[in-house]
Amino acid sequence: MDIRTIRDEHELAVLAACAAPLQQQPETHVVYFGQDADGIRAELADTTWNEVSAVATDGDAVVGWLVGDVDPDMGRVWWLGPFVVADDWEAVATELLAAGRRQLPAGVDEEELSVDARFERFRVWAAAHGYVEEEGSYVLELAGGLEPSSGAVREITDADRDAVARLHEELFPGTHTTGSELAAGHDETHRRLVVESDGEVVAYIAVERQADGSGYIDYLGVAPAARRRGLGADLVRAGVAELQRLDVTSIGLTVRVGSEGACELYRSLGFAEERVAIPLRRGFSLA
């Protein structure tokens, strides 16, 4: 077996074809990618695959691969994979991870993996390499349509950015997107909507059209003092309308298993559970 980096963008189709059958089974599903080869390739092309990657080959055949999505400012890497089709799964996965780690920039010492809760083999392997399981998240998908929002939801403006950034840091400390990044990330495919009360932003939603054509509700935040007014439901309805305007193929989200209020909200709006995603972290914790 040889380990190398991804050669070029043309190889992404080969890697996607390797991973797709694994993604279609709960027992081998890695979070961050979809289930069909075309979608996986599109998502790969949208990552930093050319910065940190590892491909395992046996002769001319690809038997496993791994990509690192690195945020040097946070000092964190999200490992996309490893995907392994070889019989000696643990050995290949370990070699891929070691090769990926050798490519990490100095100062990147926080690592995260995430898999379907039913991928037991992966979870045992990750624990043996120092990763700690933390609270899982439901992966939900919208099963039908939604009525339009009846609330005063609007697009974010430059004047809102500082308030949204502060609220995001308060509600989601240490997560994969900082408040300033979230507030600045409003463009044609990444939409940021807010609700204002008495001249102050009290709630927001961040949605995006992903590279594979699916829609994703990334964050929904409501200030504690503004809860139980229906603002969350208004924002979800407005966010879904934005995604539908972008002609997405599906709309999904993740929500922590212990967030009972949020789970109840999404289910009441027609989101149904696909799987439970388990985060495995090394060097940091969001517990």
Protein backbone atom coordinates (compact mmCIF):
# COMPACT_ATOMS: atom_id res chain seq x y z
CA MET A 1 0.00 0.00 0.00
CA ASP A 2 1.23 3.49 -0.89
CA ILE A 3 0.10 6.82 0.60
CA ARG A 4 0.23 10.02 -1.41
CA THR A 5 -1.64 13.31 -1.77
CA ILE A 6 -4.44 13.97 -4.26
CA ARG A 7 -2.86 14.45 -7.67
CA ASP A 8 -5.23 16.94 -9.24
CA GLU A 9 -8.87 17.95 -9.53
CA HIS A 10 -9.52 15.22 -12.11
CA GLU A 11 -8.92 12.60 -9.41
CA LEU A 12 -11.80 13.90 -7.30
CA ALA A 13 -14.27 11.86 -9.35
CA VAL A 14 -12.34 8.67 -8.52
CA LEU A 15 -12.34 9.50 -4.82
CA ALA A 16 -16.06 10.31 -4.89
CA ALA A 17 -16.83 6.98 -6.60
CA CYS A 18 -14.83 5.22 -3.88
CA ALA A 19 -16.75 6.94 -1.08
CA ALA A 20 -20.31 6.90 -2.45
CA PRO A 21 -21.15 3.25 -1.66
CA LEU A 22 -19.85 3.75 1.88
CA GLN A 23 -21.91 6.90 2.34
CA GLN A 24 -25.09 5.07 1.39
CA GLN A 25 -24.82 2.72 4.38
CA PRO A 26 -25.36 4.03 7.96
CA GLU A 27 -22.70 1.65 9.26
CA THR A 28 -20.00 3.33 7.11
CA HIS A 29 -21.33 6.90 6.77
CA VAL A 30 -19.00 9.84 7.44
CA VAL A 31 -20.61 13.20 8.17
CA TYR A 32 -19.88 16.28 5.98
CA PHE A 33 -20.59 14.56 2.64
CA GLY A 34 -23.74 13.37 0.92
CA GLN A 35 -24.47 9.97 -0.57
CA ASP A 36 -24.09 10.23 -4.35
CA ALA A 37 -20.81 10.44 -6.25
CA ASP A 38 -21.61 13.66 -8.12
CA GLY A 39 -22.52 15.47 -4.92
CA ILE A 40 -19.41 14.22 -3.10
CA ARG A 41 -17.21 15.36 -5.96
CA ALA A 42 -18.82 18.81 -5.91
CA GLU A 43 -18.29 19.09 -2.16
CA LEU A 44 -14.68 17.94 -2.52
CA ALA A 45 -14.03 20.58 -5.16
CA ASP A 46 -15.34 23.18 -2.69
CA THR A 47 -12.90 22.20 0.12
CA THR A 48 -9.20 22.73 0.72
CA TRP A 49 -8.43 19.26 -0.69
CA ASN A 50 -5.24 20.57 -2.32
CA GLU A 51 -3.79 21.71 1.03
CA VAL A 52 -4.12 18.61 3.22
CA SER A 53 -4.98 15.24 1.69
CA ALA A 54 -3.98 11.58 1.77
CA VAL A 55 -4.83 8.82 -0.71
CA ALA A 56 -4.10 5.12 -0.11
CA THR A 57 -3.50 3.01 -3.21
CA ASP A 58 -2.96 -0.68 -3.84
CA GLY A 59 -1.41 -0.80 -7.29
CA ASP A 60 -3.63 1.38 -9.45
CA ALA A 61 -6.67 1.07 -7.17
CA VAL A 62 -7.64 3.70 -4.60
CA VAL A 63 -8.44 1.90 -1.34
CA GLY A 64 -8.90 4.91 0.94
CA TRP A 65 -8.64 8.66 1.26
CA LEU A 66 -8.83 11.58 3.67
CA VAL A 67 -9.02 15.37 3.32
CA GLY A 68 -8.38 17.98 5.99
CA ASP A 69 -10.47 21.18 6.04
CA VAL A 70 -8.14 23.50 7.95
CA ASP A 71 -8.84 26.79 9.69
CA PRO A 72 -5.38 28.05 10.72
CA ASP A 73 -6.84 31.04 12.58
CA MET A 74 -8.82 28.72 14.86
CA GLY A 75 -6.00 26.18 14.93
CA ARG A 76 -8.47 23.46 13.98
CA VAL A 77 -8.88 20.81 11.29
CA TRP A 78 -12.04 18.97 10.34
CA TRP A 79 -11.11 15.59 8.89
CA LEU A 80 -13.33 14.59 5.97
CA GLY A 81 -12.98 10.82 6.15
CA PRO A 82 -11.16 8.56 6.30
CA PHE A 83 -13.00 6.55 3.67
CA VAL A 84 -11.59 3.01 3.43
CA VAL A 85 -12.59 0.10 1.18
CA ALA A 86 -9.65 -2.19 2.08
CA ASP A 87 -10.09 -5.25 4.32
CA ASP A 88 -7.52 -3.96 6.84
CA TRP A 89 -9.69 -0.93 7.60
CA GLU A 90 -7.99 0.17 10.82
CA ALA A 91 -4.47 -0.02 9.38
CA VAL A 92 -5.36 1.99 6.28
CA ALA A 93 -7.31 4.58 8.28
CA THR A 94 -4.38 5.00 10.66
CA GLU A 95 -1.90 5.51 7.81
CA LEU A 96 -4.17 8.08 6.17
CA LEU A 97 -4.60 10.01 9.41
CA ALA A 98 -0.86 10.01 10.09
CA ALA A 99 -0.15 11.28 6.56
CA GLY A 100 -2.72 14.02 6.94
CA ARG A 101 -1.36 15.14 10.28
CA ARG A 102 2.14 15.51 8.85
CA GLN A 103 0.79 18.14 6.45
CA LEU A 104 -0.96 20.31 9.04
CA PRO A 105 0.37 23.86 9.48
CA ALA A 106 2.12 24.70 12.73
CA GLY A 107 -0.34 25.61 15.47
CA VAL A 108 -3.20 23.45 14.19
CA ASP A 109 -3.67 21.11 17.14
CA GLU A 110 -7.47 20.81 17.39
CA GLU A 111 -9.04 17.98 15.38
CA GLU A 112 -12.58 16.84 14.71
CA LEU A 113 -14.06 13.78 13.02
CA SER A 114 -17.77 13.03 12.72
CA VAL A 115 -19.68 9.88 11.74
CA ASP A 116 -23.09 8.27 11.85
CA ALA A 117 -23.70 6.85 15.32
CA ARG A 118 -24.04 3.38 13.76
CA PHE A 119 -20.45 3.44 12.43
CA GLU A 120 -19.16 1.53 15.46
CA ARG A 121 -15.88 0.44 13.89
CA PHE A 122 -14.90 4.06 13.28
CA ARG A 123 -15.85 5.15 16.79
CA VAL A 124 -13.72 2.44 18.39
CA TRP A 125 -10.79 3.29 16.11
CA ALA A 126 -11.06 7.02 16.84
CA ALA A 127 -11.14 6.43 20.60
CA ALA A 128 -7.94 4.39 20.31
CA HIS A 129 -6.31 7.44 18.67
CA GLY A 130 -7.27 9.87 21.42
CA TYR A 131 -10.53 11.29 20.10
CA VAL A 132 -13.28 11.88 22.63
CA GLU A 133 -16.95 11.52 21.75
CA GLU A 134 -19.18 14.45 22.64
CA GLU A 135 -22.89 15.09 22.44
CA GLY A 136 -24.36 13.93 19.15
CA SER A 137 -26.58 15.89 16.80
CA TYR A 138 -29.69 14.87 14.92
CA VAL A 139 -29.34 15.25 11.16
CA LEU A 140 -32.76 16.40 9.98
CA GLU A 141 -34.22 16.96 6.52
CA LEU A 142 -37.32 18.89 5.56
CA ALA A 143 -39.96 16.41 4.47
CA GLY A 144 -42.33 18.89 2.78
CA GLY A 145 -42.99 22.56 2.17
CA LEU A 146 -43.50 25.39 4.66
CA GLU A 147 -45.89 28.29 4.80
CA PRO A 148 -44.24 31.71 4.30
CA SER A 149 -42.96 33.58 7.32
CA SER A 150 -45.46 35.95 8.90
CA GLY A 151 -42.85 37.83 10.95
CA ALA A 152 -40.67 40.87 10.29
CA VAL A 153 -37.64 38.97 8.97
CA ARG A 154 -35.16 40.86 6.79
CA GLU A 155 -31.70 40.51 5.30
CA ILE A 156 -28.69 41.44 7.41
CA THR A 157 -27.20 44.90 6.78
CA ASP A 158 -23.75 46.31 7.48
CA ALA A 159 -25.19 48.04 10.54
CA ASP A 160 -26.30 44.67 11.96
CA ARG A 161 -22.99 42.83 11.68
CA ASP A 162 -21.48 43.65 15.06
CA ALA A 163 -24.71 42.77 16.88
CA VAL A 164 -25.08 39.48 15.01
CA ALA A 165 -21.44 38.62 15.67
CA ARG A 166 -21.83 39.25 19.42
CA LEU A 167 -25.05 37.25 19.62
CA HIS A 168 -23.50 34.35 17.72
CA GLU A 169 -20.46 34.25 20.03
CA GLU A 170 -22.78 34.30 23.04
CA LEU A 171 -24.96 31.45 21.76
CA PHE A 172 -22.33 29.28 20.00
CA PRO A 173 -18.94 29.82 21.67
CA GLY A 174 -16.03 27.92 20.14
CA THR A 175 -17.99 26.51 17.21
CA HIS A 176 -16.66 26.12 13.65
CA THR A 177 -17.72 29.62 12.54
CA THR A 178 -16.80 32.74 14.50
CA GLY A 179 -19.28 35.55 14.96
CA SER A 180 -17.41 37.89 12.63
CA GLU A 181 -17.16 35.19 9.94
CA LEU A 182 -20.86 34.43 10.15
CA ALA A 183 -21.91 38.08 10.06
CA ALA A 184 -19.66 38.82 7.08
CA GLY A 185 -20.68 35.70 5.13
CA HIS A 186 -23.78 37.08 3.43
CA ASP A 187 -23.67 36.58 -0.34
CA GLU A 188 -25.75 35.00 -3.09
CA THR A 189 -25.42 31.44 -1.77
CA HIS A 190 -24.87 32.19 1.94
CA ARG A 191 -27.87 34.07 3.31
CA ARG A 192 -28.11 35.84 6.68
CA LEU A 193 -31.53 36.98 7.93
CA VAL A 194 -32.36 38.82 11.16
CA VAL A 195 -35.22 39.90 13.35
CA GLU A 196 -35.08 43.24 15.11
CA SER A 197 -36.92 44.31 18.25
CA ASP A 198 -36.86 47.87 19.68
CA GLY A 199 -33.98 48.75 17.38
CA GLU A 200 -31.85 45.75 18.38
CA VAL A 201 -31.12 42.50 16.53
CA VAL A 202 -32.46 39.70 18.72
CA ALA A 203 -32.42 36.71 16.37
CA TYR A 204 -30.77 35.51 13.16
CA ILE A 205 -30.53 32.56 10.81
CA ALA A 206 -27.67 31.50 8.51
CA VAL A 207 -28.50 29.30 5.53
CA GLU A 208 -26.53 28.27 2.46
CA ARG A 209 -26.77 26.49 -0.86
CA GLN A 210 -24.04 23.89 -0.69
CA ALA A 211 -21.75 22.83 -3.52
CA ASP A 212 -23.77 19.66 -4.18
CA GLY A 213 -26.98 21.66 -4.66
CA SER A 214 -28.52 20.91 -1.27
CA GLY A 215 -29.68 23.58 1.16
CA TYR A 216 -28.42 23.76 4.72
CA ILE A 217 -29.60 25.67 7.78
CA ASP A 218 -26.27 26.31 9.48
CA TYR A 219 -27.27 28.38 12.51
CA LEU A 220 -30.43 29.64 14.15
CA GLY A 221 -29.92 31.96 17.10
CA VAL A 222 -32.45 33.72 19.32
CA ALA A 223 -31.42 35.89 22.26
CA PRO A 224 -32.63 34.34 25.55
CA ALA A 225 -34.82 37.34 26.36
CA ALA A 226 -36.56 37.09 22.97
CA ARG A 227 -37.49 33.41 23.07
CA ARG A 228 -41.00 31.94 23.05
CA ARG A 229 -42.29 34.61 20.70
CA GLY A 230 -42.24 32.46 17.57
CA LEU A 231 -39.13 34.17 16.18
CA GLY A 232 -37.34 30.88 15.58
CA ALA A 233 -40.20 29.52 13.48
CA ASP A 234 -40.43 32.79 11.53
CA LEU A 235 -36.72 32.66 10.75
CA VAL A 236 -36.81 29.00 9.68
CA ARG A 237 -39.72 29.70 7.34
CA ALA A 238 -37.88 32.69 5.86
CA GLY A 239 -34.64 30.73 5.59
CA VAL A 240 -36.37 27.87 3.80
CA ALA A 241 -37.92 30.37 1.37
CA GLU A 242 -34.45 31.78 0.63
CA LEU A 243 -33.10 28.31 -0.06
CA GLN A 244 -36.04 27.43 -2.28
CA ARG A 245 -35.35 30.63 -4.23
CA LEU A 246 -31.84 29.25 -4.78
CA ASP A 247 -33.37 26.06 -6.26
CA VAL A 248 -31.88 23.60 -3.78
CA THR A 249 -32.46 19.86 -4.09
CA SER A 250 -33.18 19.33 -0.38
CA ILE A 251 -33.00 21.24 2.91
CA GLY A 252 -31.32 19.87 6.02
CA LEU A 253 -29.75 20.84 9.30
CA THR A 254 -28.15 19.44 12.44
CA VAL A 255 -29.24 20.09 15.99
CA ARG A 256 -27.76 18.80 19.23
CA VAL A 257 -29.62 15.87 20.73
CA GLY A 258 -29.92 17.67 24.07
CA SER A 259 -31.41 20.85 22.56
CA GLU A 260 -34.97 19.80 23.26
CA GLY A 261 -36.59 23.11 22.38
CA ALA A 262 -34.83 23.36 19.03
CA CYS A 263 -35.58 19.72 18.21
CA GLU A 264 -39.25 20.28 18.97
CA LEU A 265 -39.32 23.40 16.79
CA TYR A 266 -37.79 21.72 13.75
CA ARG A 267 -39.95 18.64 14.01
CA SER A 268 -43.06 20.76 14.34
CA LEU A 269 -42.10 22.41 11.04
CA GLY A 270 -41.76 19.09 9.23
CA PHE A 271 -38.09 18.17 9.59
CA ALA A 272 -37.51 14.43 9.94
CA GLU A 273 -34.52 12.56 11.37
CA GLU A 274 -32.06 10.91 8.98
CA ARG A 275 -29.32 9.95 11.43
CA VAL A 276 -27.46 10.93 14.61
CA ALA A 277 -24.01 12.40 13.94
CA ILE A 278 -21.33 11.78 16.58
CA PRO A 279 -18.49 14.33 16.84
CA LEU A 280 -15.10 12.97 17.91
CA ARG A 281 -12.69 15.66 19.09
CA ARG A 282 -9.03 15.75 19.97
CA GLY A 283 -7.29 18.73 21.57
CA PHE A 284 -10.49 20.67 22.33
CA SER A 285 -14.06 20.26 23.56
CA LEU A 286 -17.42 21.89 22.90
CA ALA A 287 -19.14 20.00 25.73
